[in-house]
Amino acid sequence: MTLTAVSTLQARAGKEDLVREQALALIEPTLAEPGCVSYQPYQHPTRPGEWVVVESWESRAAFEAHLTSPHLLAAFEAGVDLLAGPPVERVFES
């Protein structure tokens, strides 16, 4: 079973560059996590504050371990000030 998560993020006005930095900084440590198949943030081409993060995991257990990783928890904490609201996350399995 493969798990794919799609998260939509909306930056607060004026915080777009900081959200970009945070999103890109998560790529390397997330790809290094056990069970991570892919992790890629995408910025909307005409609405720079809007992001989608698409990530795939070998299992639900690997994804759940990611949710408690230090780098993701630090990003969540920073996101309180950077995002207009909580991320909207959808999870799919195949």
Protein backbone atom coordinates (compact mmCIF):
# COMPACT_ATOMS: atom_id res chain seq x y z
CA MET A 1 0.00 0.00 0.00
CA THR A 2 1.24 3.47 -0.87
CA LEU A 3 -0.09 6.55 0.86
CA THR A 4 -0.19 9.94 -0.88
CA ALA A 5 -0.94 13.13 1.03
CA VAL A 6 -1.88 16.40 -0.65
CA SER A 7 -1.77 19.49 1.55
CA THR A 8 -2.90 22.97 0.53
CA LEU A 9 -1.32 25.95 2.28
CA GLN A 10 -2.19 29.64 2.11
CA ALA A 11 0.43 32.16 3.22
CA ARG A 12 -0.54 35.25 5.16
CA ALA A 13 -0.21 38.43 3.11
CA GLY A 14 3.41 39.56 3.16
CA LYS A 15 4.66 36.15 4.35
CA GLU A 16 4.87 34.47 0.94
CA ASP A 17 8.69 34.44 0.79
CA LEU A 18 8.96 32.95 4.29
CA VAL A 19 6.47 30.20 3.41
CA ARG A 20 8.53 29.46 0.29
CA GLU A 21 11.68 29.13 2.41
CA GLN A 22 9.94 26.80 4.86
CA ALA A 23 8.42 24.65 2.11
CA LEU A 24 11.71 24.22 0.28
CA ALA A 25 13.65 23.61 3.50
CA LEU A 26 11.46 20.57 4.25
CA ILE A 27 12.37 18.73 1.04
CA GLU A 28 15.78 17.33 1.98
CA PRO A 29 15.04 16.13 5.53
CA THR A 30 11.70 14.67 4.50
CA LEU A 31 13.17 12.74 1.56
CA ALA A 32 15.73 11.30 3.99
CA GLU A 33 13.01 9.84 6.23
CA PRO A 34 12.44 6.08 6.14
CA GLY A 35 9.54 5.21 3.86
CA CYS A 36 9.42 8.51 1.97
CA VAL A 37 8.89 7.89 -1.74
CA SER A 38 8.53 11.52 -2.80
CA TYR A 39 7.95 14.97 -1.32
CA GLN A 40 7.44 18.05 -3.45
CA PRO A 41 5.95 21.49 -2.72
CA TYR A 42 4.39 23.40 -5.62
CA GLN A 43 3.71 27.14 -5.67
CA HIS A 44 0.73 28.43 -7.66
CA PRO A 45 2.05 30.36 -10.70
CA THR A 46 -0.23 33.39 -10.36
CA ARG A 47 -1.12 33.30 -6.64
CA PRO A 48 2.29 33.19 -4.90
CA GLY A 49 0.81 32.67 -1.45
CA GLU A 50 -0.88 29.41 -2.45
CA TRP A 51 1.02 26.13 -2.15
CA VAL A 52 0.29 22.45 -2.60
CA VAL A 53 2.57 19.81 -1.10
CA VAL A 54 2.36 16.33 -2.62
CA GLU A 55 4.07 13.52 -0.75
CA SER A 56 4.06 9.74 -1.09
CA TRP A 57 4.94 7.18 1.56
CA GLU A 58 5.51 3.43 1.52
CA SER A 59 3.01 2.98 4.36
CA ARG A 60 0.66 4.76 6.74
CA ALA A 61 3.14 4.04 9.55
CA ALA A 62 5.92 5.87 7.68
CA PHE A 63 3.60 8.83 7.07
CA GLU A 64 2.53 8.94 10.71
CA ALA A 65 6.18 8.87 11.80
CA HIS A 66 6.79 11.84 9.48
CA LEU A 67 4.03 13.78 11.24
CA THR A 68 6.05 13.64 14.46
CA SER A 69 9.47 14.36 12.90
CA PRO A 70 11.37 17.28 14.49
CA HIS A 71 11.69 19.22 11.22
CA LEU A 72 7.96 18.98 10.47
CA LEU A 73 6.96 19.91 14.03
CA ALA A 74 9.24 22.98 13.80
CA ALA A 75 7.60 23.92 10.49
CA PHE A 76 4.14 23.54 12.03
CA GLU A 77 5.15 25.85 14.86
CA ALA A 78 6.50 28.46 12.43
CA GLY A 79 3.41 28.06 10.26
CA VAL A 80 1.17 29.50 12.95
CA ASP A 81 2.56 32.94 12.14
CA LEU A 82 3.11 32.38 8.42
CA LEU A 83 -0.13 30.76 7.25
CA ALA A 84 -3.56 32.32 6.88
CA GLY A 85 -5.12 29.18 8.35
CA PRO A 86 -4.39 25.53 9.01
CA PRO A 87 -3.29 23.42 6.04
CA VAL A 88 -6.01 21.45 4.30
CA GLU A 89 -4.80 17.88 4.00
CA ARG A 90 -6.20 15.00 1.97
CA VAL A 91 -4.80 11.49 2.22
CA PHE A 92 -5.18 8.80 -0.44
CA GLU A 93 -4.15 5.13 -0.44
CA SER A 94 -3.43 2.76 -3.30
